[in-house]
């Protein structure tokens, strides 16, 4: 039997997992999600280990997952991701030097943090990339909770990096924006060929479980015009953002959280476009539980001069016909599928 590996994500609402084969052509073998009781977890942080461990045992049983080897995907407001430039050196030397170099950038002492560095570009004896820092105690609590469910953590990865790898599978060497919308955080990743240029975590509570209607009488045209007023002017500095008032095909009123999200995504793309040498973003791909919130896609199309489409697991990992996931579940599992793509290559 082929060896398998499981990608696992713990959110405030649920635990979700994907199991794949680890041969030359990885295939998704099983997937599932189990809701968590209120207060059991928050932002990739376990608050009630016993409740989370019970949910994990239920998940493995209901989804028919066989492997106990887990790649943990983390992400949230307490995980620091920022651009960092340092002297070019061997990866092993950089790992040793990093805690001393970045101490002033961290919210906790370096010895209390888990650090990683993803190199993006090198030149002139310097290397630029993305620095990732998580609180060690938070990660250790998750590892201990998984041990309660008899699960072994073999690697810890950033969910946003999984989105970057997913971008490679669906867009090749093109530069695209991946927007993964969760209940309480949205991850925006701009990547080329699987290499992330920019990662931003947006702390926005989205109404992912409610049917949205005319919320609070917000006028969409007026709100979009307000958003567009802040777009930088001058030449082609931000070619992926429109500068004229628009009338997107969307409801006449839309939830304020959706407008806030669109505003921040637009601002993130505008920031990227004005960086020296930044590659042009060719498309925006949506995933996550909030992808199909009423009015969201129309608002994004109205605010951005980009094609907007959904991404599901089959676009990243082949699936057995008898194990096909429902469309909504597939949207939520995209980051995990991308994380596993990196582990099985």
Protein backbone atom coordinates (compact mmCIF):
# COMPACT_ATOMS: atom_id res chain seq x y z
CA UNK A 1 0.00 0.00 0.00
CA UNK A 2 1.28 3.47 -0.90
CA UNK A 3 2.40 5.63 2.00
CA UNK A 4 0.09 8.53 2.80
CA UNK A 5 0.28 11.91 4.48
CA UNK A 6 -2.40 14.10 6.06
CA UNK A 7 -2.69 17.88 5.95
CA UNK A 8 -4.50 19.32 8.99
CA UNK A 9 -5.87 22.77 9.78
CA UNK A 10 -7.46 23.91 13.05
CA UNK A 11 -9.69 26.97 12.80
CA UNK A 12 -12.01 28.65 15.26
CA UNK A 13 -14.97 26.78 13.77
CA UNK A 14 -13.64 23.34 12.88
CA UNK A 15 -10.84 20.87 12.28
CA UNK A 16 -10.36 19.83 8.64
CA UNK A 17 -8.00 17.37 7.00
CA UNK A 18 -6.93 15.98 3.63
CA UNK A 19 -5.12 12.66 3.13
CA UNK A 20 -3.00 12.09 0.01
CA UNK A 21 -0.77 9.38 -1.37
CA UNK A 22 2.92 10.30 -1.47
CA UNK A 23 4.00 8.55 -4.66
CA UNK A 24 5.13 10.19 -7.90
CA UNK A 25 1.56 11.23 -8.73
CA UNK A 26 -0.15 12.16 -5.44
CA UNK A 27 -3.90 11.57 -5.26
CA UNK A 28 -6.35 12.77 -2.63
CA UNK A 29 -7.65 9.70 -0.81
CA UNK A 30 -9.87 11.19 1.90
CA UNK A 31 -10.99 14.51 3.34
CA UNK A 32 -13.37 15.83 5.94
CA UNK A 33 -14.28 18.46 8.48
CA UNK A 34 -15.74 18.36 12.00
CA UNK A 35 -17.17 21.41 13.76
CA UNK A 36 -15.66 22.50 17.08
CA UNK A 37 -17.63 23.63 20.14
CA UNK A 38 -17.55 27.34 20.81
CA UNK A 39 -14.35 28.43 22.57
CA UNK A 40 -12.34 25.29 21.75
CA UNK A 41 -9.92 27.05 19.38
CA UNK A 42 -9.13 30.44 17.90
CA UNK A 43 -6.83 31.53 15.09
CA UNK A 44 -4.76 28.30 14.88
CA UNK A 45 -4.60 28.33 18.68
CA UNK A 46 -6.00 25.47 20.78
CA UNK A 47 -7.87 26.67 23.90
CA UNK A 48 -9.54 23.39 24.93
CA UNK A 49 -7.19 20.49 24.09
CA UNK A 50 -9.65 17.78 25.15
CA UNK A 51 -12.46 19.12 22.93
CA UNK A 52 -10.13 19.50 19.95
CA UNK A 53 -8.64 16.02 20.45
CA UNK A 54 -12.15 14.54 20.52
CA UNK A 55 -13.04 16.36 17.30
CA UNK A 56 -9.86 15.04 15.67
CA UNK A 57 -10.72 11.45 16.58
CA UNK A 58 -14.21 11.97 15.13
CA UNK A 59 -12.71 13.47 11.97
CA UNK A 60 -10.38 10.52 11.38
CA UNK A 61 -13.22 8.07 11.93
CA UNK A 62 -15.87 9.80 9.82
CA UNK A 63 -13.58 10.66 6.92
CA UNK A 64 -11.91 7.25 6.82
CA UNK A 65 -8.41 8.73 7.18
CA UNK A 66 -5.80 6.02 7.75
CA UNK A 67 -2.46 7.80 8.24
CA UNK A 68 -1.41 9.24 11.60
CA UNK A 69 1.39 11.33 10.03
CA UNK A 70 0.28 14.97 9.91
CA UNK A 71 1.50 18.15 8.26
CA UNK A 72 0.09 20.99 10.35
CA UNK A 73 -0.98 24.11 8.45
CA UNK A 74 -1.09 27.24 10.61
CA UNK A 75 -2.20 30.79 9.92
CA UNK A 76 -3.92 33.59 11.73
CA UNK A 77 -3.57 36.99 13.26
CA UNK A 78 -0.81 35.92 15.67
CA UNK A 79 1.48 34.56 12.95
CA UNK A 80 3.90 37.24 11.73
CA UNK A 81 4.67 37.26 7.99
CA UNK A 82 6.79 40.10 6.62
CA UNK A 83 9.41 40.83 4.00
CA UNK A 84 12.97 40.55 5.29
CA UNK A 85 16.41 41.07 3.70
CA UNK A 86 19.64 39.71 5.10
CA UNK A 87 23.14 38.66 4.07
CA UNK A 88 23.16 35.67 1.72
CA UNK A 89 24.46 32.52 3.40
CA UNK A 90 23.97 28.78 3.49
CA UNK A 91 20.43 27.79 4.61
CA UNK A 92 21.72 26.03 7.75
CA UNK A 93 23.75 29.09 8.78
CA UNK A 94 20.81 31.38 8.12
CA UNK A 95 18.56 29.27 10.33
CA UNK A 96 21.05 29.62 13.17
CA UNK A 97 21.57 33.36 12.66
CA UNK A 98 17.90 34.28 12.17
CA UNK A 99 16.87 34.42 15.87
CA UNK A 100 19.60 36.99 16.60
CA UNK A 101 18.88 39.05 13.48
CA UNK A 102 15.12 39.44 13.83
CA UNK A 103 14.67 39.81 17.60
CA UNK A 104 13.57 43.46 17.27
CA UNK A 105 10.86 42.47 14.79
CA UNK A 106 9.21 39.87 17.02
CA UNK A 107 6.38 40.38 19.54
CA UNK A 108 8.00 37.79 21.85
CA UNK A 109 11.63 36.85 22.68
CA UNK A 110 13.26 34.90 19.85
CA UNK A 111 13.65 31.80 22.03
CA UNK A 112 9.86 31.76 22.42
CA UNK A 113 9.19 31.86 18.67
CA UNK A 114 9.20 29.34 15.83
CA UNK A 115 10.96 30.98 12.86
CA UNK A 116 11.09 30.23 9.16
CA UNK A 117 12.39 32.10 6.12
CA UNK A 118 11.27 31.65 2.51
CA UNK A 119 13.90 33.14 0.12
CA UNK A 120 12.43 34.92 -2.90
CA UNK A 121 15.32 36.79 -4.60
CA UNK A 122 19.09 37.03 -4.21
CA UNK A 123 21.63 39.53 -5.51
CA UNK A 124 24.60 41.61 -4.45
CA UNK A 125 25.37 39.28 -1.58
CA UNK A 126 21.90 39.81 -0.08
CA UNK A 127 18.81 37.60 -0.01
CA UNK A 128 15.23 38.87 0.28
CA UNK A 129 12.32 36.72 1.31
CA UNK A 130 9.43 36.25 3.71
CA UNK A 131 10.07 35.91 7.43
CA UNK A 132 7.52 33.79 9.31
CA UNK A 133 7.27 33.78 13.11
CA UNK A 134 4.81 31.96 15.35
CA UNK A 135 4.65 31.73 19.15
CA UNK A 136 6.35 28.46 20.12
CA UNK A 137 3.96 27.78 22.99
CA UNK A 138 1.00 27.95 20.60
CA UNK A 139 2.56 25.43 18.23
CA UNK A 140 3.61 23.16 21.10
CA UNK A 141 0.05 23.14 22.48
CA UNK A 142 -1.28 22.06 19.09
CA UNK A 143 1.34 19.30 18.85
CA UNK A 144 0.43 18.07 22.34
CA UNK A 145 -3.27 18.15 21.46
CA UNK A 146 -2.64 16.05 18.36
CA UNK A 147 -0.69 13.58 20.48
CA UNK A 148 -3.83 13.14 22.61
CA UNK A 149 -5.55 11.97 19.41
CA UNK A 150 -2.56 9.69 18.65
CA UNK A 151 -1.41 11.86 15.72
CA UNK A 152 2.24 12.64 14.90
CA UNK A 153 3.23 16.04 13.51
CA UNK A 154 5.95 15.53 10.89
CA UNK A 155 6.04 19.14 9.63
CA UNK A 156 4.56 22.58 10.31
CA UNK A 157 3.81 24.86 7.37
CA UNK A 158 2.14 28.20 6.77
CA UNK A 159 -1.29 27.87 5.17
CA UNK A 160 -0.48 30.89 3.00
CA UNK A 161 2.47 29.04 1.48
CA UNK A 162 0.03 26.27 0.58
CA UNK A 163 -1.96 28.88 -1.34
CA UNK A 164 1.22 29.89 -3.19
CA UNK A 165 1.80 26.27 -4.22
CA UNK A 166 -1.83 25.97 -5.26
CA UNK A 167 -1.27 29.01 -7.49
CA UNK A 168 1.50 27.14 -9.30
CA UNK A 169 -0.82 24.21 -10.00
CA UNK A 170 -3.59 26.35 -11.48
CA UNK A 171 -1.62 29.18 -13.09
CA UNK A 172 1.87 27.85 -13.85
CA UNK A 173 4.40 30.68 -13.97
CA UNK A 174 1.82 33.47 -14.07
CA UNK A 175 1.59 35.96 -11.23
CA UNK A 176 -1.79 35.64 -9.51
CA UNK A 177 -3.50 36.69 -6.30
CA UNK A 178 -4.95 33.94 -4.11
CA UNK A 179 -7.65 35.12 -1.69
CA UNK A 180 -8.68 32.49 0.88
CA UNK A 181 -11.73 33.69 2.85
CA UNK A 182 -12.35 32.19 6.28
CA UNK A 183 -14.89 33.00 8.95
CA UNK A 184 -12.58 35.33 10.86
CA UNK A 185 -9.44 35.78 8.76
CA UNK A 186 -8.79 36.15 5.04
CA UNK A 187 -5.38 35.34 3.57
CA UNK A 188 -4.16 37.22 0.51
CA UNK A 189 -1.14 35.75 -1.27
CA UNK A 190 0.46 37.11 -4.45
CA UNK A 191 2.67 34.46 -6.03
CA UNK A 192 4.53 33.60 -9.25
CA UNK A 193 5.17 29.96 -10.06
CA UNK A 194 4.56 28.93 -6.46
CA UNK A 195 6.89 31.59 -4.98
CA UNK A 196 5.06 34.11 -2.75
CA UNK A 197 5.86 37.80 -3.20
CA UNK A 198 3.42 39.10 -0.61
CA UNK A 199 1.37 37.53 2.18
CA UNK A 200 -1.25 39.46 4.11
CA UNK A 201 -3.67 38.21 6.77
CA UNK A 202 -6.84 40.30 7.05
CA UNK A 203 -8.70 40.05 10.39
CA UNK A 204 -12.30 40.37 9.18
CA UNK A 205 -15.32 38.51 10.57
CA UNK A 206 -17.21 37.28 7.52
CA UNK A 207 -20.86 36.12 7.52
CA UNK A 208 -19.98 32.77 5.96
CA UNK A 209 -22.91 30.87 7.48
CA UNK A 210 -25.64 33.47 6.85
CA UNK A 211 -27.60 34.31 3.73
CA UNK A 212 -26.87 37.94 2.98
CA UNK A 213 -29.52 40.34 1.83
CA UNK A 214 -29.85 44.11 1.90
CA UNK A 215 -27.62 44.72 4.93
CA UNK A 216 -27.96 48.02 6.76
CA UNK A 217 -28.97 49.82 3.59
CA UNK A 218 -25.38 50.11 2.28
CA UNK A 219 -25.34 51.45 -1.27
CA UNK A 220 -22.83 49.49 -3.37
CA UNK A 221 -22.12 52.17 -5.99
CA UNK A 222 -21.36 54.78 -3.34
CA UNK A 223 -19.20 52.38 -1.36
CA UNK A 224 -17.15 51.36 -4.39
CA UNK A 225 -16.63 54.98 -5.37
CA UNK A 226 -15.40 55.63 -1.83
CA UNK A 227 -12.94 52.74 -2.14
CA UNK A 228 -11.66 53.90 -5.51
CA UNK A 229 -10.96 57.42 -4.24
CA UNK A 230 -7.92 56.09 -2.38
CA UNK A 231 -6.31 54.42 -5.41
CA UNK A 232 -2.87 55.94 -6.08
CA UNK A 233 -2.76 58.14 -9.16
CA UNK A 234 -0.13 58.51 -11.83
CA UNK A 235 0.80 56.44 -14.90
CA UNK A 236 0.60 52.67 -14.66
CA UNK A 237 1.74 52.41 -11.06
CA UNK A 238 -1.16 50.14 -10.15
CA UNK A 239 -2.33 48.54 -13.43
CA UNK A 240 -4.48 45.92 -11.73
CA UNK A 241 -6.78 48.43 -10.01
CA UNK A 242 -9.42 50.47 -11.81
CA UNK A 243 -9.64 54.19 -11.18
CA UNK A 244 -13.06 55.06 -12.58
CA UNK A 245 -16.47 54.67 -10.88
CA UNK A 246 -18.03 51.36 -11.84
CA UNK A 247 -21.41 49.66 -11.80
CA UNK A 248 -20.68 45.99 -11.16
CA UNK A 249 -23.36 43.38 -11.61
CA UNK A 250 -24.08 42.90 -7.93
CA UNK A 251 -26.94 43.47 -5.46
CA UNK A 252 -27.90 47.07 -4.74
CA UNK A 253 -26.88 46.58 -1.11
CA UNK A 254 -24.18 44.41 0.38
CA UNK A 255 -22.87 43.44 3.80
CA UNK A 256 -20.37 45.96 5.23
CA UNK A 257 -17.89 43.14 5.99
CA UNK A 258 -17.81 42.28 2.28
CA UNK A 259 -17.11 45.90 1.37
CA UNK A 260 -14.34 46.02 3.98
CA UNK A 261 -12.79 42.87 2.53
CA UNK A 262 -12.92 44.16 -1.04
CA UNK A 263 -11.39 47.46 0.09
CA UNK A 264 -8.46 45.69 1.78
CA UNK A 265 -7.86 43.29 -1.10
CA UNK A 266 -7.82 46.24 -3.52
CA UNK A 267 -5.37 48.09 -1.27
CA UNK A 268 -3.11 45.01 -1.04
CA UNK A 269 -2.98 44.65 -4.82
CA UNK A 270 -2.29 48.37 -5.19
CA UNK A 271 0.57 48.17 -2.68
CA UNK A 272 2.10 45.23 -4.55
CA UNK A 273 1.79 46.96 -7.92
CA UNK A 274 3.79 49.99 -6.72
CA UNK A 275 6.75 48.00 -5.43
CA UNK A 276 9.85 48.30 -7.66
CA UNK A 277 9.99 45.45 -10.16
CA UNK A 278 6.74 43.90 -8.98
CA UNK A 279 5.27 41.49 -11.57
CA UNK A 280 1.81 42.32 -12.84
CA UNK A 281 -1.03 40.29 -11.30
CA UNK A 282 -2.96 38.55 -14.09
CA UNK A 283 -5.90 37.06 -12.18
CA UNK A 284 -7.50 36.67 -8.76
CA UNK A 285 -8.52 33.23 -7.47
CA UNK A 286 -10.97 32.78 -4.60
CA UNK A 287 -11.15 29.93 -2.10
CA UNK A 288 -12.30 29.34 1.45
CA UNK A 289 -15.65 29.08 3.23
CA UNK A 290 -16.63 32.66 2.37
CA UNK A 291 -16.09 32.46 -1.38
CA UNK A 292 -19.79 32.31 -2.22
CA UNK A 293 -21.07 35.04 0.09
CA UNK A 294 -23.69 37.01 -1.80
CA UNK A 295 -22.26 39.99 -3.65
CA UNK A 296 -18.58 39.25 -2.93
CA UNK A 297 -17.49 38.18 -6.38
CA UNK A 298 -19.41 40.99 -8.08
CA UNK A 299 -17.87 43.56 -5.75
CA UNK A 300 -14.36 42.26 -6.47
CA UNK A 301 -14.96 42.32 -10.22
CA UNK A 302 -16.25 45.86 -9.90
CA UNK A 303 -13.26 47.12 -7.91
CA UNK A 304 -10.47 45.27 -9.75
CA UNK A 305 -9.50 45.14 -13.40
CA UNK A 306 -8.88 41.39 -13.14
CA UNK A 307 -10.65 38.13 -13.95
CA UNK A 308 -12.00 36.56 -10.75
CA UNK A 309 -12.58 32.81 -10.43
CA UNK A 310 -13.01 30.08 -7.82
CA UNK A 311 -10.43 27.40 -7.03
CA UNK A 312 -11.34 23.93 -5.78
CA UNK A 313 -9.25 20.95 -4.71
CA UNK A 314 -9.48 19.02 -8.04
CA UNK A 315 -7.53 21.84 -9.68
CA UNK A 316 -4.64 21.17 -7.30
CA UNK A 317 -4.82 17.47 -6.43
CA UNK A 318 -6.43 14.66 -8.45
CA UNK A 319 -9.14 12.78 -6.55
CA UNK A 320 -10.47 9.27 -6.62
CA UNK A 321 -13.96 9.34 -8.21
CA UNK A 322 -15.52 7.74 -5.14
CA UNK A 323 -13.89 10.37 -2.90
CA UNK A 324 -15.01 13.53 -4.69
CA UNK A 325 -15.59 16.43 -2.30
CA UNK A 326 -18.61 18.70 -2.49
CA UNK A 327 -17.88 22.09 -4.09
CA UNK A 328 -18.19 24.06 -0.84
CA UNK A 329 -15.92 21.63 1.03
CA UNK A 330 -13.42 21.75 -1.82
CA UNK A 331 -13.20 25.52 -1.53
CA UNK A 332 -12.29 25.28 2.17
CA UNK A 333 -9.59 22.64 1.56
CA UNK A 334 -7.57 24.51 -1.08
CA UNK A 335 -4.83 25.75 1.27
CA UNK A 336 -4.39 22.27 2.73
CA UNK A 337 -4.17 20.72 -0.73
CA UNK A 338 -1.45 23.23 -1.59
CA UNK A 339 0.49 22.48 1.59
CA UNK A 340 0.47 18.78 0.75
CA UNK A 341 1.58 19.51 -2.82
CA UNK A 342 4.75 20.95 -1.36
CA UNK A 343 5.33 17.92 0.88
CA UNK A 344 4.76 15.30 -1.84
CA UNK A 345 6.96 16.82 -4.56
